[in-house]
Amino acid sequence: MRRRDILLASLENPPSVMELGQRVGVSSHTLQRRFRDLFGKTVFDYVTDQRIVTDRRMELAEQLLRQKTSTVAEVAAIVGYSNSAHFAAAFKRRYGITPSECILGRKPLSR
């Protein structure tokens, strides 16, 4: 698994730089240097980049809604929103449809 993929898979509880380095087989110093070379920012900056976190949360939310096994409120909580209305507004901004429309099978207008 690539460094970036490991981070994206665990944004809610990201591994430490040392743990991430161990997972990909390099020292934490080498990881930091290579990560900065590839992505133009530190591992910490990447993990805390709100746009990346929001995109990942919305992708997960869309997947969960399309499975039709959870309510909008449940999906909102799973992806880290304490307020369903805030989640619905963010989802609509991202996809151009409401979470309820997503559950009903309507296709997103934007990605």
C-alpha atoms as a PDB file:
ATOM      1  CA  MET A   1       0.000   0.000   0.000  1.00  0.00           C
ATOM      2  CA  ARG A   2       1.339   3.449  -0.888  1.00  0.00           C
ATOM      3  CA  ARG A   3       2.040   6.112   1.746  1.00  0.00           C
ATOM      4  CA  ARG A   4      -0.789   8.347   0.531  1.00  0.00           C
ATOM      5  CA  ASP A   5      -3.263   5.453   0.435  1.00  0.00           C
ATOM      6  CA  ILE A   6      -2.418   4.483   4.010  1.00  0.00           C
ATOM      7  CA  LEU A   7      -3.064   8.044   5.141  1.00  0.00           C
ATOM      8  CA  LEU A   8      -6.326   8.370   3.211  1.00  0.00           C
ATOM      9  CA  ALA A   9      -7.565   5.081   4.618  1.00  0.00           C
ATOM     10  CA  SER A  10      -6.999   6.282   8.171  1.00  0.00           C
ATOM     11  CA  LEU A  11      -7.668  10.036   8.223  1.00  0.00           C
ATOM     12  CA  GLU A  12      -9.739   9.843  11.385  1.00  0.00           C
ATOM     13  CA  ASN A  13      -6.857   8.248  13.282  1.00  0.00           C
ATOM     14  CA  PRO A  14      -3.727   8.655  11.160  1.00  0.00           C
ATOM     15  CA  PRO A  15      -0.578   6.713  11.988  1.00  0.00           C
ATOM     16  CA  SER A  16       2.428   8.558  13.370  1.00  0.00           C
ATOM     17  CA  VAL A  17       5.242   9.360  10.967  1.00  0.00           C
ATOM     18  CA  MET A  18       7.275   6.588  12.588  1.00  0.00           C
ATOM     19  CA  GLU A  19       4.434   4.050  12.165  1.00  0.00           C
ATOM     20  CA  LEU A  20       3.845   5.118   8.576  1.00  0.00           C
ATOM     21  CA  GLY A  21       7.550   4.801   7.822  1.00  0.00           C
ATOM     22  CA  GLN A  22       7.590   1.308   9.287  1.00  0.00           C
ATOM     23  CA  ARG A  23       4.563   0.317   7.181  1.00  0.00           C
ATOM     24  CA  VAL A  24       6.248   1.396   3.953  1.00  0.00           C
ATOM     25  CA  GLY A  25       9.728   0.255   4.982  1.00  0.00           C
ATOM     26  CA  VAL A  26      11.654   3.524   5.343  1.00  0.00           C
ATOM     27  CA  SER A  27      12.889   5.666   8.230  1.00  0.00           C
ATOM     28  CA  SER A  28      10.714   8.552   9.419  1.00  0.00           C
ATOM     29  CA  HIS A  29      13.335  11.014   8.119  1.00  0.00           C
ATOM     30  CA  THR A  30      13.303   9.428   4.649  1.00  0.00           C
ATOM     31  CA  LEU A  31       9.513   9.314   4.682  1.00  0.00           C
ATOM     32  CA  GLN A  32       9.267  13.010   5.515  1.00  0.00           C
ATOM     33  CA  ARG A  33      11.755  13.952   2.801  1.00  0.00           C
ATOM     34  CA  ARG A  34      10.139  11.771   0.109  1.00  0.00           C
ATOM     35  CA  PHE A  35       6.641  12.844   1.061  1.00  0.00           C
ATOM     36  CA  ARG A  36       7.606  16.505   0.767  1.00  0.00           C
ATOM     37  CA  ASP A  37       9.261  15.819  -2.616  1.00  0.00           C
ATOM     38  CA  LEU A  38       6.144  14.044  -3.921  1.00  0.00           C
ATOM     39  CA  PHE A  39       3.356  16.170  -2.459  1.00  0.00           C
ATOM     40  CA  GLY A  40       5.014  19.484  -1.646  1.00  0.00           C
ATOM     41  CA  LYS A  41       4.062  19.320   2.030  1.00  0.00           C
ATOM     42  CA  THR A  42       4.848  17.425   5.187  1.00  0.00           C
ATOM     43  CA  VAL A  43       2.930  14.335   6.223  1.00  0.00           C
ATOM     44  CA  PHE A  44       1.308  16.362   9.014  1.00  0.00           C
ATOM     45  CA  ASP A  45       0.294  19.169   6.646  1.00  0.00           C
ATOM     46  CA  TYR A  46      -1.175  16.626   4.246  1.00  0.00           C
ATOM     47  CA  VAL A  47      -3.244  14.943   6.948  1.00  0.00           C
ATOM     48  CA  THR A  48      -4.513  18.256   8.271  1.00  0.00           C
ATOM     49  CA  ASP A  49      -5.301  19.719   4.831  1.00  0.00           C
ATOM     50  CA  GLN A  50      -9.020  20.299   5.273  1.00  0.00           C
ATOM     51  CA  ARG A  51      -9.837  19.949   1.575  1.00  0.00           C
ATOM     52  CA  ILE A  52      -8.406  16.444   1.419  1.00  0.00           C
ATOM     53  CA  VAL A  53     -10.163  15.420   4.627  1.00  0.00           C
ATOM     54  CA  THR A  54     -13.486  16.837   3.424  1.00  0.00           C
ATOM     55  CA  ASP A  55     -13.185  15.147   0.025  1.00  0.00           C
ATOM     56  CA  ARG A  56     -12.468  11.793   1.639  1.00  0.00           C
ATOM     57  CA  ARG A  57     -15.363  12.193   4.080  1.00  0.00           C
ATOM     58  CA  MET A  58     -17.769  13.055   1.252  1.00  0.00           C
ATOM     59  CA  GLU A  59     -16.599  10.111  -0.864  1.00  0.00           C
ATOM     60  CA  LEU A  60     -17.216   7.779   2.060  1.00  0.00           C
ATOM     61  CA  ALA A  61     -20.605   9.386   2.711  1.00  0.00           C
ATOM     62  CA  GLU A  62     -21.668   8.889  -0.904  1.00  0.00           C
ATOM     63  CA  GLN A  63     -20.650   5.226  -0.780  1.00  0.00           C
ATOM     64  CA  LEU A  64     -22.572   4.665   2.450  1.00  0.00           C
ATOM     65  CA  LEU A  65     -25.676   6.448   1.179  1.00  0.00           C
ATOM     66  CA  ARG A  66     -25.692   4.417  -2.039  1.00  0.00           C
ATOM     67  CA  GLN A  67     -25.594   1.195   0.009  1.00  0.00           C
ATOM     68  CA  LYS A  68     -28.994   2.249   1.451  1.00  0.00           C
ATOM     69  CA  THR A  69     -28.286   0.559   4.787  1.00  0.00           C
ATOM     70  CA  SER A  70     -27.937   3.732   6.867  1.00  0.00           C
ATOM     71  CA  THR A  71     -30.003   6.856   7.406  1.00  0.00           C
ATOM     72  CA  VAL A  72     -28.698  10.295   6.509  1.00  0.00           C
ATOM     73  CA  ALA A  73     -28.193  11.018  10.220  1.00  0.00           C
ATOM     74  CA  GLU A  74     -26.214   7.797  10.688  1.00  0.00           C
ATOM     75  CA  VAL A  75     -23.988   8.549   7.690  1.00  0.00           C
ATOM     76  CA  ALA A  76     -23.452  12.104   8.945  1.00  0.00           C
ATOM     77  CA  ALA A  77     -22.257  10.734  12.289  1.00  0.00           C
ATOM     78  CA  ILE A  78     -20.051   8.086  10.671  1.00  0.00           C
ATOM     79  CA  VAL A  79     -18.198  10.686   8.586  1.00  0.00           C
ATOM     80  CA  GLY A  80     -17.773  13.017  11.551  1.00  0.00           C
ATOM     81  CA  TYR A  81     -20.641  15.508  11.422  1.00  0.00           C
ATOM     82  CA  SER A  82     -22.503  16.089  14.670  1.00  0.00           C
ATOM     83  CA  ASN A  83     -25.200  18.053  12.837  1.00  0.00           C
ATOM     84  CA  SER A  84     -27.114  16.347  10.012  1.00  0.00           C
ATOM     85  CA  ALA A  85     -28.114  19.677   8.484  1.00  0.00           C
ATOM     86  CA  HIS A  86     -24.473  20.762   8.208  1.00  0.00           C
ATOM     87  CA  PHE A  87     -23.651  17.410   6.630  1.00  0.00           C
ATOM     88  CA  ALA A  88     -26.525  17.727   4.148  1.00  0.00           C
ATOM     89  CA  ALA A  89     -25.430  21.225   3.152  1.00  0.00           C
ATOM     90  CA  ALA A  90     -21.799  20.113   2.668  1.00  0.00           C
ATOM     91  CA  PHE A  91     -22.906  17.071   0.676  1.00  0.00           C
ATOM     92  CA  LYS A  92     -25.122  19.168  -1.586  1.00  0.00           C
ATOM     93  CA  ARG A  93     -22.284  21.673  -2.169  1.00  0.00           C
ATOM     94  CA  ARG A  94     -19.988  18.812  -3.133  1.00  0.00           C
ATOM     95  CA  TYR A  95     -22.334  16.746  -5.310  1.00  0.00           C
ATOM     96  CA  GLY A  96     -25.222  19.023  -6.296  1.00  0.00           C
ATOM     97  CA  ILE A  97     -27.784  16.646  -4.771  1.00  0.00           C
ATOM     98  CA  THR A  98     -29.025  16.088  -1.240  1.00  0.00           C
ATOM     99  CA  PRO A  99     -28.102  12.977   0.736  1.00  0.00           C
ATOM    100  CA  SER A 100     -31.729  11.854   0.481  1.00  0.00           C
ATOM    101  CA  GLU A 101     -31.593  12.152  -3.304  1.00  0.00           C
ATOM    102  CA  CYS A 102     -28.401  10.095  -3.258  1.00  0.00           C
ATOM    103  CA  ILE A 103     -30.145   7.340  -1.300  1.00  0.00           C
ATOM    104  CA  LEU A 104     -32.902   7.382  -3.924  1.00  0.00           C
ATOM    105  CA  GLY A 105     -30.317   6.774  -6.648  1.00  0.00           C
ATOM    106  CA  ARG A 106     -30.023  10.233  -8.192  1.00  0.00           C
ATOM    107  CA  LYS A 107     -26.611  10.803  -9.776  1.00  0.00           C
ATOM    108  CA  PRO A 108     -24.261  13.521  -8.507  1.00  0.00           C
ATOM    109  CA  LEU A 109     -24.020  16.646 -10.645  1.00  0.00           C
ATOM    110  CA  SER A 110     -20.382  17.302  -9.840  1.00  0.00           C
ATOM    111  CA  ARG A 111     -17.328  15.511  -8.512  1.00  0.00           C
END
